[in-house]
PDB file of N, CA and C in Angstrom:
ATOM      1  N   MET A   1      18.070   5.854  33.610  1.00  0.00           N
ATOM      2  CA  MET A   1      17.984   6.020  32.174  1.00  0.00           C
ATOM      3  C   MET A   1      16.568   6.407  31.797  1.00  0.00           C
ATOM      4  N   LYS A   2      16.466   7.049  30.655  1.00  0.00           N
ATOM      5  CA  LYS A   2      15.171   7.443  30.118  1.00  0.00           C
ATOM      6  C   LYS A   2      15.027   6.906  28.694  1.00  0.00           C
ATOM      7  N   MET A   3      13.785   6.619  28.316  1.00  0.00           N
ATOM      8  CA  MET A   3      13.477   6.311  26.927  1.00  0.00           C
ATOM      9  C   MET A   3      12.597   7.425  26.399  1.00  0.00           C
ATOM     10  N   LEU A   4      13.014   8.014  25.301  1.00  0.00           N
ATOM     11  CA  LEU A   4      12.215   9.034  24.634  1.00  0.00           C
ATOM     12  C   LEU A   4      11.542   8.397  23.432  1.00  0.00           C
ATOM     13  N   ILE A   5      10.264   8.671  23.298  1.00  0.00           N
ATOM     14  CA  ILE A   5       9.501   8.266  22.118  1.00  0.00           C
ATOM     15  C   ILE A   5       9.142   9.559  21.401  1.00  0.00           C
ATOM     16  N   LEU A   6       9.688   9.763  20.210  1.00  0.00           N
ATOM     17  CA  LEU A   6       9.427  10.958  19.414  1.00  0.00           C
ATOM     18  C   LEU A   6       8.539  10.582  18.239  1.00  0.00           C
ATOM     19  N   VAL A   7       7.447  11.302  18.070  1.00  0.00           N
ATOM     20  CA  VAL A   7       6.535  11.115  16.951  1.00  0.00           C
ATOM     21  C   VAL A   7       6.532  12.414  16.163  1.00  0.00           C
ATOM     22  N   TYR A   8       6.713  12.331  14.841  1.00  0.00           N
ATOM     23  CA  TYR A   8       6.821  13.537  14.026  1.00  0.00           C
ATOM     24  C   TYR A   8       6.459  13.234  12.579  1.00  0.00           C
ATOM     25  N   ASN A   9       6.134  14.280  11.834  1.00  0.00           N
ATOM     26  CA  ASN A   9       5.780  14.180  10.423  1.00  0.00           C
ATOM     27  C   ASN A   9       6.949  13.579   9.644  1.00  0.00           C
ATOM     28  N   ASP A  10       6.675  12.561   8.836  1.00  0.00           N
ATOM     29  CA  ASP A  10       7.758  11.845   8.147  1.00  0.00           C
ATOM     30  C   ASP A  10       8.552  12.720   7.174  1.00  0.00           C
ATOM     31  N   VAL A  11       7.958  13.775   6.653  1.00  0.00           N
ATOM     32  CA  VAL A  11       8.714  14.635   5.730  1.00  0.00           C
ATOM     33  C   VAL A  11       9.769  15.453   6.465  1.00  0.00           C
ATOM     34  N   SER A  12       9.746  15.442   7.785  1.00  0.00           N
ATOM     35  CA  SER A  12      10.704  16.183   8.600  1.00  0.00           C
ATOM     36  C   SER A  12      11.824  15.292   9.131  1.00  0.00           C
ATOM     37  N   ASP A  13      11.966  14.116   8.582  1.00  0.00           N
ATOM     38  CA  ASP A  13      12.929  13.144   9.094  1.00  0.00           C
ATOM     39  C   ASP A  13      14.357  13.689   9.140  1.00  0.00           C
ATOM     40  N   GLU A  14      14.812  14.325   8.071  1.00  0.00           N
ATOM     41  CA  GLU A  14      16.183  14.841   8.040  1.00  0.00           C
ATOM     42  C   GLU A  14      16.396  15.921   9.105  1.00  0.00           C
ATOM     43  N   ILE A  15      15.406  16.755   9.321  1.00  0.00           N
ATOM     44  CA  ILE A  15      15.507  17.813  10.334  1.00  0.00           C
ATOM     45  C   ILE A  15      15.669  17.201  11.718  1.00  0.00           C
ATOM     46  N   VAL A  16      14.815  16.243  12.048  1.00  0.00           N
ATOM     47  CA  VAL A  16      14.838  15.640  13.382  1.00  0.00           C
ATOM     48  C   VAL A  16      16.116  14.839  13.600  1.00  0.00           C
ATOM     49  N   ILE A  17      16.436  13.960  12.671  1.00  0.00           N
ATOM     50  CA  ILE A  17      17.638  13.123  12.821  1.00  0.00           C
ATOM     51  C   ILE A  17      18.890  13.995  12.862  1.00  0.00           C
ATOM     52  N   GLY A  18      18.964  14.994  11.995  1.00  0.00           N
ATOM     53  CA  GLY A  18      20.130  15.880  11.968  1.00  0.00           C
ATOM     54  C   GLY A  18      20.316  16.622  13.280  1.00  0.00           C
ATOM     55  N   ALA A  19      19.242  17.144  13.850  1.00  0.00           N
ATOM     56  CA  ALA A  19      19.336  17.868  15.123  1.00  0.00           C
ATOM     57  C   ALA A  19      19.747  16.936  16.252  1.00  0.00           C
ATOM     58  N   LEU A  20      19.220  15.712  16.263  1.00  0.00           N
ATOM     59  CA  LEU A  20      19.591  14.767  17.315  1.00  0.00           C
ATOM     60  C   LEU A  20      21.052  14.355  17.207  1.00  0.00           C
ATOM     61  N   LYS A  21      21.540  14.188  15.998  1.00  0.00           N
ATOM     62  CA  LYS A  21      22.953  13.839  15.825  1.00  0.00           C
ATOM     63  C   LYS A  21      23.858  14.970  16.314  1.00  0.00           C
ATOM     64  N   LYS A  22      23.442  16.217  16.099  1.00  0.00           N
ATOM     65  CA  LYS A  22      24.206  17.356  16.620  1.00  0.00           C
ATOM     66  C   LYS A  22      24.207  17.363  18.148  1.00  0.00           C
ATOM     67  N   ALA A  23      23.179  16.758  18.757  1.00  0.00           N
ATOM     68  CA  ALA A  23      23.095  16.651  20.210  1.00  0.00           C
ATOM     69  C   ALA A  23      23.730  15.346  20.705  1.00  0.00           C
ATOM     70  N   TYR A  24      24.525  14.726  19.851  1.00  0.00           N
ATOM     71  CA  TYR A  24      25.291  13.511  20.191  1.00  0.00           C
ATOM     72  C   TYR A  24      24.428  12.273  20.387  1.00  0.00           C
ATOM     73  N   ILE A  25      23.234  12.254  19.801  1.00  0.00           N
ATOM     74  CA  ILE A  25      22.400  11.055  19.817  1.00  0.00           C
ATOM     75  C   ILE A  25      22.753  10.270  18.561  1.00  0.00           C
ATOM     76  N   GLN A  26      23.379   9.128  18.738  1.00  0.00           N
ATOM     77  CA  GLN A  26      23.819   8.321  17.601  1.00  0.00           C
ATOM     78  C   GLN A  26      23.031   7.019  17.470  1.00  0.00           C
ATOM     79  N   ARG A  27      22.345   6.628  18.533  1.00  0.00           N
ATOM     80  CA  ARG A  27      21.645   5.336  18.532  1.00  0.00           C
ATOM     81  C   ARG A  27      20.144   5.555  18.723  1.00  0.00           C
ATOM     82  N   TYR A  28      19.371   4.914  17.894  1.00  0.00           N
ATOM     83  CA  TYR A  28      17.924   5.013  17.996  1.00  0.00           C
ATOM     84  C   TYR A  28      17.298   3.872  17.218  1.00  0.00           C
ATOM     85  N   THR A  29      16.030   3.636  17.448  1.00  0.00           N
ATOM     86  CA  THR A  29      15.228   2.721  16.644  1.00  0.00           C
ATOM     87  C   THR A  29      14.142   3.559  15.997  1.00  0.00           C
ATOM     88  N   LYS A  30      13.935   3.335  14.685  1.00  0.00           N
ATOM     89  CA  LYS A  30      12.953   4.147  13.955  1.00  0.00           C
ATOM     90  C   LYS A  30      11.888   3.253  13.333  1.00  0.00           C
ATOM     91  N   TRP A  31      10.634   3.665  13.552  1.00  0.00           N
ATOM     92  CA  TRP A  31       9.509   3.071  12.841  1.00  0.00           C
ATOM     93  C   TRP A  31       9.094   4.077  11.788  1.00  0.00           C
ATOM     94  N   LYS A  32       8.996   3.641  10.535  1.00  0.00           N
ATOM     95  CA  LYS A  32       8.634   4.532   9.445  1.00  0.00           C
ATOM     96  C   LYS A  32       7.177   4.331   9.051  1.00  0.00           C
ATOM     97  N   GLU A  33       6.599   5.425   8.585  1.00  0.00           N
ATOM     98  CA  GLU A  33       5.255   5.412   8.021  1.00  0.00           C
ATOM     99  C   GLU A  33       4.216   4.844   8.981  1.00  0.00           C
ATOM    100  N   VAL A  34       4.082   5.480  10.129  1.00  0.00           N
ATOM    101  CA  VAL A  34       3.049   5.098  11.087  1.00  0.00           C
ATOM    102  C   VAL A  34       1.911   6.108  11.013  1.00  0.00           C
ATOM    103  N   TYR A  35       0.738   5.688  11.426  1.00  0.00           N
ATOM    104  CA  TYR A  35      -0.455   6.522  11.334  1.00  0.00           C
ATOM    105  C   TYR A  35      -0.969   6.855  12.722  1.00  0.00           C
ATOM    106  N   GLY A  36      -1.669   7.986  12.817  1.00  0.00           N
ATOM    107  CA  GLY A  36      -2.252   8.327  14.103  1.00  0.00           C
ATOM    108  C   GLY A  36      -2.934   9.676  14.088  1.00  0.00           C
ATOM    109  N   GLU A  37      -3.578   9.974  15.201  1.00  0.00           N
ATOM    110  CA  GLU A  37      -4.259  11.249  15.400  1.00  0.00           C
ATOM    111  C   GLU A  37      -3.797  11.828  16.724  1.00  0.00           C
ATOM    112  N   GLY A  38      -3.571  13.126  16.723  1.00  0.00           N
ATOM    113  CA  GLY A  38      -3.165  13.815  17.945  1.00  0.00           C
ATOM    114  C   GLY A  38      -3.998  15.060  18.138  1.00  0.00           C
ATOM    115  N   GLU A  39      -3.602  15.891  19.093  1.00  0.00           N
ATOM    116  CA  GLU A  39      -4.345  17.109  19.402  1.00  0.00           C
ATOM    117  C   GLU A  39      -3.806  18.327  18.668  1.00  0.00           C
ATOM    118  N   GLU A  40      -2.522  18.331  18.319  1.00  0.00           N
ATOM    119  CA  GLU A  40      -1.891  19.539  17.805  1.00  0.00           C
ATOM    120  C   GLU A  40      -1.790  19.605  16.282  1.00  0.00           C
ATOM    121  N   THR A  41      -2.009  18.494  15.594  1.00  0.00           N
ATOM    122  CA  THR A  41      -1.907  18.475  14.135  1.00  0.00           C
ATOM    123  C   THR A  41      -3.097  17.716  13.550  1.00  0.00           C
ATOM    124  N   GLU A  42      -3.220  17.804  12.251  1.00  0.00           N
ATOM    125  CA  GLU A  42      -4.249  17.028  11.560  1.00  0.00           C
ATOM    126  C   GLU A  42      -3.899  15.534  11.648  1.00  0.00           C
ATOM    127  N   PRO A  43      -4.901  14.663  11.560  1.00  0.00           N
ATOM    128  CA  PRO A  43      -4.604  13.223  11.561  1.00  0.00           C
ATOM    129  C   PRO A  43      -3.670  12.861  10.404  1.00  0.00           C
ATOM    130  N   LYS A  44      -2.832  11.899  10.630  1.00  0.00           N
ATOM    131  CA  LYS A  44      -1.938  11.344   9.606  1.00  0.00           C
ATOM    132  C   LYS A  44      -2.353   9.894   9.416  1.00  0.00           C
ATOM    133  N   LEU A  45      -3.230   9.664   8.437  1.00  0.00           N
ATOM    134  CA  LEU A  45      -3.804   8.334   8.249  1.00  0.00           C
ATOM    135  C   LEU A  45      -3.478   7.727   6.889  1.00  0.00           C
ATOM    136  N   GLY A  46      -2.695   8.418   6.068  1.00  0.00           N
ATOM    137  CA  GLY A  46      -2.283   7.870   4.781  1.00  0.00           C
ATOM    138  C   GLY A  46      -3.422   7.677   3.798  1.00  0.00           C
ATOM    139  N   THR A  47      -4.505   8.457   3.950  1.00  0.00           N
ATOM    140  CA  THR A  47      -5.650   8.323   3.044  1.00  0.00           C
ATOM    141  C   THR A  47      -5.782   9.605   2.225  1.00  0.00           C
ATOM    142  N   HIS A  48      -6.712   9.596   1.272  1.00  0.00           N
ATOM    143  CA  HIS A  48      -6.950  10.806   0.481  1.00  0.00           C
ATOM    144  C   HIS A  48      -7.514  11.935   1.342  1.00  0.00           C
ATOM    145  N   ILE A  49      -8.327  11.586   2.294  1.00  0.00           N
ATOM    146  CA  ILE A  49      -8.928  12.597   3.157  1.00  0.00           C
ATOM    147  C   ILE A  49      -7.939  13.064   4.219  1.00  0.00           C
ATOM    148  N   TRP A  50      -7.224  12.150   4.827  1.00  0.00           N
ATOM    149  CA  TRP A  50      -6.225  12.475   5.848  1.00  0.00           C
ATOM    150  C   TRP A  50      -4.862  11.952   5.389  1.00  0.00           C
ATOM    151  N   PRO A  51      -4.222  12.665   4.451  1.00  0.00           N
ATOM    152  CA  PRO A  51      -2.925  12.193   3.944  1.00  0.00           C
ATOM    153  C   PRO A  51      -1.816  12.392   4.985  1.00  0.00           C
ATOM    154  N   GLY A  52      -0.709  11.816   4.695  1.00  0.00           N
ATOM    155  CA  GLY A  52       0.470  11.992   5.543  1.00  0.00           C
ATOM    156  C   GLY A  52       0.743  10.788   6.412  1.00  0.00           C
ATOM    157  N   LYS A  53       1.984  10.741   6.890  1.00  0.00           N
ATOM    158  CA  LYS A  53       2.439   9.666   7.758  1.00  0.00           C
ATOM    159  C   LYS A  53       3.371  10.270   8.795  1.00  0.00           C
ATOM    160  N   ASN A  54       3.577   9.544   9.852  1.00  0.00           N
ATOM    161  CA  ASN A  54       4.537   9.924  10.875  1.00  0.00           C
ATOM    162  C   ASN A  54       5.678   8.926  10.903  1.00  0.00           C
ATOM    163  N   ASN A  55       6.768   9.322  11.530  1.00  0.00           N
ATOM    164  CA  ASN A  55       7.832   8.413  11.923  1.00  0.00           C
ATOM    165  C   ASN A  55       7.891   8.445  13.435  1.00  0.00           C
ATOM    166  N   VAL A  56       8.414   7.384  14.015  1.00  0.00           N
ATOM    167  CA  VAL A  56       8.572   7.296  15.460  1.00  0.00           C
ATOM    168  C   VAL A  56      10.007   6.874  15.753  1.00  0.00           C
ATOM    169  N   LEU A  57      10.648   7.583  16.686  1.00  0.00           N
ATOM    170  CA  LEU A  57      11.977   7.211  17.161  1.00  0.00           C
ATOM    171  C   LEU A  57      11.889   6.797  18.612  1.00  0.00           C
ATOM    172  N   ALA A  58      12.613   5.746  18.966  1.00  0.00           N
ATOM    173  CA  ALA A  58      12.801   5.353  20.362  1.00  0.00           C
ATOM    174  C   ALA A  58      14.280   5.526  20.665  1.00  0.00           C
ATOM    175  N   ILE A  59      14.571   6.295  21.709  1.00  0.00           N
ATOM    176  CA  ILE A  59      15.950   6.612  22.073  1.00  0.00           C
ATOM    177  C   ILE A  59      16.104   6.386  23.566  1.00  0.00           C
ATOM    178  N   VAL A  60      17.123   5.644  23.960  1.00  0.00           N
ATOM    179  CA  VAL A  60      17.421   5.450  25.376  1.00  0.00           C
ATOM    180  C   VAL A  60      18.691   6.227  25.688  1.00  0.00           C
ATOM    181  N   VAL A  61      18.613   7.067  26.725  1.00  0.00           N
ATOM    182  CA  VAL A  61      19.754   7.911  27.108  1.00  0.00           C
ATOM    183  C   VAL A  61      19.930   7.887  28.625  1.00  0.00           C
ATOM    184  N   GLU A  62      21.122   8.249  29.056  1.00  0.00           N
ATOM    185  CA  GLU A  62      21.383   8.428  30.478  1.00  0.00           C
ATOM    186  C   GLU A  62      20.680   9.697  30.948  1.00  0.00           C
ATOM    187  N   ASP A  63      20.342   9.749  32.203  1.00  0.00           N
ATOM    188  CA  ASP A  63      19.612  10.894  32.768  1.00  0.00           C
ATOM    189  C   ASP A  63      20.337  12.218  32.538  1.00  0.00           C
ATOM    190  N   ASP A  64      21.671  12.201  32.603  1.00  0.00           N
ATOM    191  CA  ASP A  64      22.414  13.455  32.474  1.00  0.00           C
ATOM    192  C   ASP A  64      22.392  14.024  31.052  1.00  0.00           C
ATOM    193  N   ALA A  65      21.907  13.263  30.077  1.00  0.00           N
ATOM    194  CA  ALA A  65      21.791  13.756  28.701  1.00  0.00           C
ATOM    195  C   ALA A  65      20.470  14.470  28.446  1.00  0.00           C
ATOM    196  N   MET A  66      19.551  14.414  29.397  1.00  0.00           N
ATOM    197  CA  MET A  66      18.202  14.923  29.164  1.00  0.00           C
ATOM    198  C   MET A  66      18.142  16.433  28.938  1.00  0.00           C
ATOM    199  N   SER A  67      18.970  17.210  29.604  1.00  0.00           N
ATOM    200  CA  SER A  67      18.879  18.663  29.418  1.00  0.00           C
ATOM    201  C   SER A  67      19.240  19.055  27.991  1.00  0.00           C
ATOM    202  N   LEU A  68      20.279  18.462  27.418  1.00  0.00           N
ATOM    203  CA  LEU A  68      20.652  18.753  26.030  1.00  0.00           C
ATOM    204  C   LEU A  68      19.562  18.298  25.061  1.00  0.00           C
ATOM    205  N   ILE A  69      18.958  17.163  25.345  1.00  0.00           N
ATOM    206  CA  ILE A  69      17.895  16.660  24.469  1.00  0.00           C
ATOM    207  C   ILE A  69      16.667  17.560  24.556  1.00  0.00           C
ATOM    208  N   ARG A  70      16.306  18.012  25.743  1.00  0.00           N
ATOM    209  CA  ARG A  70      15.176  18.949  25.887  1.00  0.00           C
ATOM    210  C   ARG A  70      15.434  20.228  25.085  1.00  0.00           C
ATOM    211  N   GLU A  71      16.646  20.762  25.209  1.00  0.00           N
ATOM    212  CA  GLU A  71      17.007  21.961  24.446  1.00  0.00           C
ATOM    213  C   GLU A  71      16.880  21.705  22.946  1.00  0.00           C
ATOM    214  N   THR A  72      17.344  20.557  22.496  1.00  0.00           N
ATOM    215  CA  THR A  72      17.301  20.216  21.075  1.00  0.00           C
ATOM    216  C   THR A  72      15.864  20.096  20.594  1.00  0.00           C
ATOM    217  N   ILE A  73      15.028  19.425  21.353  1.00  0.00           N
ATOM    218  CA  ILE A  73      13.622  19.259  20.967  1.00  0.00           C
ATOM    219  C   ILE A  73      12.914  20.609  20.946  1.00  0.00           C
ATOM    220  N   ASN A  74      13.163  21.450  21.940  1.00  0.00           N
ATOM    221  CA  ASN A  74      12.550  22.782  21.954  1.00  0.00           C
ATOM    222  C   ASN A  74      13.028  23.630  20.782  1.00  0.00           C
ATOM    223  N   MET A  75      14.300  23.503  20.402  1.00  0.00           N
ATOM    224  CA  MET A  75      14.834  24.230  19.255  1.00  0.00           C
ATOM    225  C   MET A  75      14.161  23.772  17.960  1.00  0.00           C
ATOM    226  N   ILE A  76      13.983  22.451  17.807  1.00  0.00           N
ATOM    227  CA  ILE A  76      13.300  21.923  16.615  1.00  0.00           C
ATOM    228  C   ILE A  76      11.888  22.500  16.537  1.00  0.00           C
ATOM    229  N   ARG A  77      11.170  22.464  17.631  1.00  0.00           N
ATOM    230  CA  ARG A  77       9.791  22.981  17.648  1.00  0.00           C
ATOM    231  C   ARG A  77       9.734  24.466  17.335  1.00  0.00           C
ATOM    232  N   LYS A  78      10.687  25.224  17.856  1.00  0.00           N
ATOM    233  CA  LYS A  78      10.703  26.671  17.623  1.00  0.00           C
ATOM    234  C   LYS A  78      11.011  26.983  16.161  1.00  0.00           C
ATOM    235  N   GLU A  79      12.006  26.302  15.589  1.00  0.00           N
ATOM    236  CA  GLU A  79      12.411  26.569  14.212  1.00  0.00           C
ATOM    237  C   GLU A  79      11.463  25.964  13.181  1.00  0.00           C
ATOM    238  N   HIS A  80      10.740  24.903  13.565  1.00  0.00           N
ATOM    239  CA  HIS A  80       9.836  24.197  12.642  1.00  0.00           C
ATOM    240  C   HIS A  80       8.518  23.904  13.353  1.00  0.00           C
ATOM    241  N   PRO A  81       7.693  24.913  13.579  1.00  0.00           N
ATOM    242  CA  PRO A  81       6.484  24.726  14.394  1.00  0.00           C
ATOM    243  C   PRO A  81       5.449  23.772  13.792  1.00  0.00           C
ATOM    244  N   LYS A  82       5.499  23.526  12.499  1.00  0.00           N
ATOM    245  CA  LYS A  82       4.504  22.638  11.875  1.00  0.00           C
ATOM    246  C   LYS A  82       4.979  21.198  11.761  1.00  0.00           C
ATOM    247  N   ILE A  83       6.082  20.890  12.406  1.00  0.00           N
ATOM    248  CA  ILE A  83       6.669  19.555  12.312  1.00  0.00           C
ATOM    249  C   ILE A  83       5.825  18.498  13.030  1.00  0.00           C
ATOM    250  N   GLY A  84       5.005  18.931  13.990  1.00  0.00           N
ATOM    251  CA  GLY A  84       4.156  17.992  14.715  1.00  0.00           C
ATOM    252  C   GLY A  84       4.938  17.094  15.651  1.00  0.00           C
ATOM    253  N   LEU A  85       6.036  17.572  16.186  1.00  0.00           N
ATOM    254  CA  LEU A  85       6.894  16.757  17.049  1.00  0.00           C
ATOM    255  C   LEU A  85       6.293  16.622  18.441  1.00  0.00           C
ATOM    256  N   LYS A  86       6.030  15.388  18.831  1.00  0.00           N
ATOM    257  CA  LYS A  86       5.532  15.080  20.174  1.00  0.00           C
ATOM    258  C   LYS A  86       6.516  14.100  20.810  1.00  0.00           C
ATOM    259  N   THR A  87       6.887  14.365  22.061  1.00  0.00           N
ATOM    260  CA  THR A  87       7.877  13.534  22.733  1.00  0.00           C
ATOM    261  C   THR A  87       7.319  13.020  24.056  1.00  0.00           C
ATOM    262  N   PHE A  88       7.510  11.741  24.281  1.00  0.00           N
ATOM    263  CA  PHE A  88       7.108  11.094  25.528  1.00  0.00           C
ATOM    264  C   PHE A  88       8.377  10.591  26.208  1.00  0.00           C
ATOM    265  N   VAL A  89       8.478  10.765  27.513  1.00  0.00           N
ATOM    266  CA  VAL A  89       9.649  10.338  28.270  1.00  0.00           C
ATOM    267  C   VAL A  89       9.213   9.273  29.264  1.00  0.00           C
ATOM    268  N   LEU A  90       9.886   8.119  29.206  1.00  0.00           N
ATOM    269  CA  LEU A  90       9.588   6.989  30.082  1.00  0.00           C
ATOM    270  C   LEU A  90      10.817   6.631  30.904  1.00  0.00           C
ATOM    271  N   GLN A  91      10.596   6.159  32.098  1.00  0.00           N
ATOM    272  CA  GLN A  91      11.698   5.691  32.944  1.00  0.00           C
ATOM    273  C   GLN A  91      12.111   4.284  32.488  1.00  0.00           C
ATOM    274  N   VAL A  92      13.407   4.050  32.343  1.00  0.00           N
ATOM    275  CA  VAL A  92      13.934   2.732  31.998  1.00  0.00           C
ATOM    276  C   VAL A  92      14.571   2.146  33.258  1.00  0.00           C
ATOM    277  N   GLU A  93      14.039   1.032  33.711  1.00  0.00           N
ATOM    278  CA  GLU A  93      14.582   0.409  34.920  1.00  0.00           C
ATOM    279  C   GLU A  93      15.865  -0.349  34.629  1.00  0.00           C
ATOM    280  N   GLU A  94      15.901  -1.028  33.496  1.00  0.00           N
ATOM    281  CA  GLU A  94      17.098  -1.760  33.109  1.00  0.00           C
ATOM    282  C   GLU A  94      16.993  -2.173  31.647  1.00  0.00           C
ATOM    283  N   THR A  95      18.122  -2.525  31.077  1.00  0.00           N
ATOM    284  CA  THR A  95      18.133  -3.120  29.747  1.00  0.00           C
ATOM    285  C   THR A  95      18.698  -4.531  29.882  1.00  0.00           C
ATOM    286  N   ILE A  96      18.203  -5.420  29.080  1.00  0.00           N
ATOM    287  CA  ILE A  96      18.623  -6.822  29.156  1.00  0.00           C
ATOM    288  C   ILE A  96      19.219  -7.243  27.826  1.00  0.00           C
TER     289      ILE A  96
END
């Protein structure tokens, strides 16, 4: 199994969630209004100087679902290049 951690601009929530649902992802955990700095976008710190916030999704999927998810994430990035979508993939040894 894999765990995907997706970080993206909070104003793009409907785009990201909608695309994942089309890829048959129905279960996730979402953290709303998180702050941070990355390499590809401006900082999202919720201040006057660095406005904006991110959302974070944690999704656990079987290994055989990864190709469809990769395609979906690449499609989101291609269609919405300013979304600031960053994805991390972690190995899941087990769930308890």
